[in-house]
Amino acid sequence: MEASQAAVTAGRAESVSAWVNDALRLKVEHDRRLRALDEFIAGYEAEHGEITEDEMAGAVRRARERAVVVRGDPGGAHGRGAA
């Protein structure tokens, strides 16, 4: 309830009730997406077999290799290149 009152005080919600209604809507949308993902994975595994731990680890490794770091400014005013 503290978060809802803070949102109202900061003008991010019209009322506690409106904040709660928005939170419930977001929860329903989130649950719907999780069910859709579950159905997609079940269909994929039915066609291609169960996704293994090794396959998931490989996917994580490839994703990390391609990731672009957007935090900080290495070599810039706040990084190692700062004077």
N, C-alpha and C. Protein backbone atom coordinates (compact mmCIF):
# COMPACT_ATOMS: atom_id res chain seq x y z
N MET A 1 0.82 -1.19 0.00
CA MET A 1 0.00 0.00 0.00
C MET A 1 0.87 1.26 0.00
N GLU A 2 2.08 1.13 0.57
CA GLU A 2 2.98 2.27 0.60
C GLU A 2 3.33 2.73 -0.82
N ALA A 3 3.60 1.78 -1.70
CA ALA A 3 3.97 2.12 -3.09
C ALA A 3 2.81 2.80 -3.80
N SER A 4 1.59 2.33 -3.54
CA SER A 4 0.44 2.95 -4.20
C SER A 4 0.24 4.38 -3.73
N GLN A 5 0.39 4.60 -2.43
CA GLN A 5 0.22 5.95 -1.90
C GLN A 5 1.33 6.87 -2.40
N ALA A 6 2.55 6.35 -2.52
CA ALA A 6 3.66 7.15 -3.04
C ALA A 6 3.40 7.53 -4.50
N ALA A 7 2.83 6.62 -5.27
CA ALA A 7 2.52 6.91 -6.67
C ALA A 7 1.47 8.00 -6.77
N VAL A 8 0.47 7.96 -5.90
CA VAL A 8 -0.57 8.99 -5.90
C VAL A 8 0.04 10.33 -5.50
N THR A 9 0.85 10.33 -4.46
CA THR A 9 1.48 11.56 -3.98
C THR A 9 2.36 12.18 -5.05
N ALA A 10 3.07 11.33 -5.82
CA ALA A 10 3.97 11.82 -6.86
C ALA A 10 3.23 12.16 -8.15
N GLY A 11 1.92 11.88 -8.20
CA GLY A 11 1.15 12.19 -9.39
C GLY A 11 1.23 11.13 -10.48
N ARG A 12 1.75 9.95 -10.13
CA ARG A 12 1.85 8.87 -11.11
C ARG A 12 0.59 8.02 -11.17
N ALA A 13 -0.34 8.27 -10.27
CA ALA A 13 -1.63 7.57 -10.25
C ALA A 13 -2.68 8.54 -9.72
N GLU A 14 -3.90 8.40 -10.22
CA GLU A 14 -4.98 9.28 -9.79
C GLU A 14 -5.43 8.97 -8.37
N SER A 15 -5.41 7.67 -8.02
CA SER A 15 -5.86 7.24 -6.70
C SER A 15 -5.24 5.88 -6.40
N VAL A 16 -5.35 5.47 -5.14
CA VAL A 16 -4.86 4.14 -4.77
C VAL A 16 -5.62 3.09 -5.56
N SER A 17 -6.91 3.28 -5.70
CA SER A 17 -7.73 2.34 -6.45
C SER A 17 -7.27 2.24 -7.91
N ALA A 18 -6.97 3.37 -8.52
CA ALA A 18 -6.50 3.37 -9.91
C ALA A 18 -5.15 2.67 -10.01
N TRP A 19 -4.28 2.89 -9.02
CA TRP A 19 -2.97 2.24 -9.01
C TRP A 19 -3.13 0.73 -8.89
N VAL A 20 -4.02 0.28 -8.00
CA VAL A 20 -4.28 -1.15 -7.81
C VAL A 20 -4.86 -1.75 -9.09
N ASN A 21 -5.81 -1.06 -9.72
CA ASN A 21 -6.39 -1.56 -10.96
C ASN A 21 -5.32 -1.70 -12.04
N ASP A 22 -4.41 -0.74 -12.14
CA ASP A 22 -3.34 -0.81 -13.13
C ASP A 22 -2.41 -1.97 -12.81
N ALA A 23 -2.09 -2.17 -11.53
CA ALA A 23 -1.23 -3.29 -11.14
C ALA A 23 -1.88 -4.62 -11.48
N LEU A 24 -3.16 -4.74 -11.26
CA LEU A 24 -3.88 -5.98 -11.60
C LEU A 24 -3.90 -6.21 -13.11
N ARG A 25 -4.09 -5.13 -13.88
CA ARG A 25 -4.07 -5.26 -15.34
C ARG A 25 -2.70 -5.74 -15.82
N LEU A 26 -1.64 -5.16 -15.25
CA LEU A 26 -0.29 -5.58 -15.62
C LEU A 26 -0.05 -7.03 -15.26
N LYS A 27 -0.55 -7.47 -14.11
CA LYS A 27 -0.41 -8.87 -13.67
C LYS A 27 -1.12 -9.81 -14.63
N VAL A 28 -2.32 -9.45 -15.04
CA VAL A 28 -3.08 -10.28 -15.99
C VAL A 28 -2.33 -10.38 -17.32
N GLU A 29 -1.80 -9.27 -17.81
CA GLU A 29 -1.04 -9.27 -19.06
C GLU A 29 0.22 -10.13 -18.93
N HIS A 30 0.91 -10.00 -17.81
CA HIS A 30 2.12 -10.78 -17.56
C HIS A 30 1.81 -12.28 -17.54
N ASP A 31 0.75 -12.65 -16.82
CA ASP A 31 0.35 -14.06 -16.76
C ASP A 31 -0.03 -14.59 -18.14
N ARG A 32 -0.70 -13.76 -18.94
CA ARG A 32 -1.08 -14.18 -20.30
C ARG A 32 0.16 -14.46 -21.13
N ARG A 33 1.15 -13.58 -21.03
CA ARG A 33 2.40 -13.77 -21.79
C ARG A 33 3.13 -15.03 -21.34
N LEU A 34 3.15 -15.28 -20.03
CA LEU A 34 3.81 -16.49 -19.53
C LEU A 34 3.11 -17.75 -20.03
N ARG A 35 1.78 -17.73 -20.07
CA ARG A 35 1.04 -18.89 -20.61
C ARG A 35 1.35 -19.08 -22.08
N ALA A 36 1.41 -18.00 -22.84
CA ALA A 36 1.73 -18.09 -24.27
C ALA A 36 3.14 -18.64 -24.46
N LEU A 37 4.08 -18.20 -23.65
CA LEU A 37 5.44 -18.71 -23.74
C LEU A 37 5.48 -20.19 -23.39
N ASP A 38 4.77 -20.58 -22.36
CA ASP A 38 4.70 -21.98 -21.96
C ASP A 38 4.14 -22.84 -23.10
N GLU A 39 3.09 -22.35 -23.75
CA GLU A 39 2.49 -23.08 -24.87
C GLU A 39 3.47 -23.18 -26.04
N PHE A 40 4.20 -22.09 -26.31
CA PHE A 40 5.17 -22.10 -27.39
C PHE A 40 6.27 -23.12 -27.12
N ILE A 41 6.81 -23.10 -25.89
CA ILE A 41 7.88 -24.03 -25.55
C ILE A 41 7.39 -25.47 -25.60
N ALA A 42 6.19 -25.72 -25.11
CA ALA A 42 5.63 -27.07 -25.15
C ALA A 42 5.50 -27.55 -26.60
N GLY A 43 5.03 -26.68 -27.48
CA GLY A 43 4.91 -27.04 -28.89
C GLY A 43 6.25 -27.29 -29.53
N TYR A 44 7.23 -26.44 -29.22
CA TYR A 44 8.57 -26.61 -29.76
C TYR A 44 9.16 -27.94 -29.30
N GLU A 45 9.04 -28.23 -28.01
CA GLU A 45 9.60 -29.47 -27.48
C GLU A 45 8.86 -30.70 -28.01
N ALA A 46 7.57 -30.56 -28.27
CA ALA A 46 6.83 -31.68 -28.85
C ALA A 46 7.35 -32.01 -30.24
N GLU A 47 7.76 -31.00 -30.97
CA GLU A 47 8.26 -31.20 -32.33
C GLU A 47 9.74 -31.54 -32.38
N HIS A 48 10.54 -30.94 -31.50
CA HIS A 48 12.00 -31.06 -31.61
C HIS A 48 12.65 -31.79 -30.44
N GLY A 49 11.90 -32.15 -29.42
CA GLY A 49 12.47 -32.78 -28.24
C GLY A 49 12.72 -31.76 -27.14
N GLU A 50 12.92 -32.28 -25.94
CA GLU A 50 13.11 -31.42 -24.77
C GLU A 50 14.38 -30.58 -24.91
N ILE A 51 14.28 -29.33 -24.54
CA ILE A 51 15.43 -28.43 -24.55
C ILE A 51 16.32 -28.82 -23.37
N THR A 52 17.59 -29.12 -23.66
CA THR A 52 18.50 -29.60 -22.62
C THR A 52 19.18 -28.45 -21.88
N GLU A 53 19.74 -28.77 -20.72
CA GLU A 53 20.52 -27.79 -19.96
C GLU A 53 21.69 -27.28 -20.80
N ASP A 54 22.35 -28.19 -21.55
CA ASP A 54 23.47 -27.77 -22.40
C ASP A 54 23.02 -26.78 -23.47
N GLU A 55 21.86 -27.02 -24.07
CA GLU A 55 21.34 -26.10 -25.08
C GLU A 55 21.03 -24.73 -24.47
N MET A 56 20.46 -24.74 -23.28
CA MET A 56 20.16 -23.46 -22.63
C MET A 56 21.44 -22.72 -22.26
N ALA A 57 22.44 -23.45 -21.74
CA ALA A 57 23.72 -22.83 -21.39
C ALA A 57 24.38 -22.25 -22.64
N GLY A 58 24.31 -22.97 -23.75
CA GLY A 58 24.88 -22.48 -24.99
C GLY A 58 24.17 -21.23 -25.48
N ALA A 59 22.86 -21.19 -25.33
CA ALA A 59 22.09 -20.01 -25.74
C ALA A 59 22.47 -18.80 -24.88
N VAL A 60 22.63 -19.02 -23.60
CA VAL A 60 23.02 -17.93 -22.70
C VAL A 60 24.41 -17.43 -23.08
N ARG A 61 25.32 -18.36 -23.33
CA ARG A 61 26.69 -17.99 -23.69
C ARG A 61 26.70 -17.16 -24.98
N ARG A 62 25.96 -17.60 -26.00
CA ARG A 62 25.91 -16.85 -27.26
C ARG A 62 25.28 -15.48 -27.09
N ALA A 63 24.25 -15.40 -26.26
CA ALA A 63 23.60 -14.11 -26.02
C ALA A 63 24.55 -13.15 -25.32
N ARG A 64 25.31 -13.66 -24.36
CA ARG A 64 26.27 -12.80 -23.65
C ARG A 64 27.39 -12.34 -24.57
N GLU A 65 27.81 -13.21 -25.48
CA GLU A 65 28.87 -12.84 -26.42
C GLU A 65 28.42 -11.71 -27.34
N ARG A 66 27.13 -11.68 -27.69
CA ARG A 66 26.61 -10.67 -28.61
C ARG A 66 26.10 -9.43 -27.89
N ALA A 67 26.04 -9.48 -26.57
CA ALA A 67 25.46 -8.38 -25.80
C ALA A 67 26.30 -7.11 -25.94
N VAL A 68 25.61 -6.00 -25.96
CA VAL A 68 26.26 -4.70 -25.99
C VAL A 68 26.07 -4.07 -24.62
N VAL A 69 27.17 -3.75 -23.97
CA VAL A 69 27.11 -3.14 -22.64
C VAL A 69 26.77 -1.67 -22.79
N VAL A 70 25.74 -1.23 -22.11
CA VAL A 70 25.31 0.17 -22.23
C VAL A 70 25.51 0.92 -20.92
N ARG A 71 26.04 0.25 -19.91
CA ARG A 71 26.32 0.91 -18.64
C ARG A 71 27.71 1.52 -18.69
N GLY A 72 27.86 2.68 -18.09
CA GLY A 72 29.17 3.28 -17.96
C GLY A 72 29.71 3.85 -19.25
N ASP A 73 30.91 4.37 -19.16
CA ASP A 73 31.56 5.01 -20.29
C ASP A 73 33.05 4.67 -20.23
N PRO A 74 33.41 3.39 -20.54
CA PRO A 74 34.81 3.02 -20.43
C PRO A 74 35.67 3.88 -21.34
N GLY A 75 36.72 4.44 -20.76
CA GLY A 75 37.61 5.28 -21.54
C GLY A 75 37.14 6.71 -21.67
N GLY A 76 35.92 6.98 -21.23
CA GLY A 76 35.39 8.33 -21.35
C GLY A 76 35.65 9.15 -20.10
N ALA A 77 34.85 10.12 -19.87
CA ALA A 77 35.06 11.06 -18.75
C ALA A 77 35.02 10.36 -17.40
N HIS A 78 34.30 9.23 -17.29
CA HIS A 78 34.18 8.56 -16.01
C HIS A 78 34.93 7.23 -15.99
N GLY A 79 35.60 6.89 -17.05
CA GLY A 79 36.27 5.60 -17.13
C GLY A 79 37.76 5.71 -16.96
N ARG A 80 38.48 4.72 -17.47
CA ARG A 80 39.92 4.66 -17.31
C ARG A 80 40.64 5.80 -18.03
N GLY A 81 40.01 6.36 -19.03
CA GLY A 81 40.66 7.42 -19.80
C GLY A 81 40.52 8.79 -19.17
N ALA A 82 39.85 8.87 -18.02
CA ALA A 82 39.65 10.18 -17.39
C ALA A 82 40.96 10.73 -16.85
N ALA A 83 41.13 12.04 -16.95
CA ALA A 83 42.36 12.68 -16.49
C ALA A 83 42.32 13.00 -15.02
